[in-house]
Amino acid sequence: MRRAITLRFGQEVASDVVYLETFTDADYLDSPEALRAYNRLWGRLQAAALGPAESRRLMLRIVGEMK
């Protein structure tokens, strides 16, 4: 399992770092290419995510199906 977090230090994009965490290790990526790739990925995840109301309805539906 791998997790990615963009760490932002101040307002400058040049200071951003992507922190990747694995079960046994961690990596810090600061190249412009890696930052762009992870920012694009985060944007796609945000676009695909349900909003708060839709998330609540989905969870309630799933709970109802489990009864």
Foldseek 3Di string as FASTA:
>chain_A
DKDWDWDDDPDDLQPIWIWIDDPPDIDIHRDPVVVVVVVVVVVVVVVPDDDPVVVVVVVVVVVVVVD
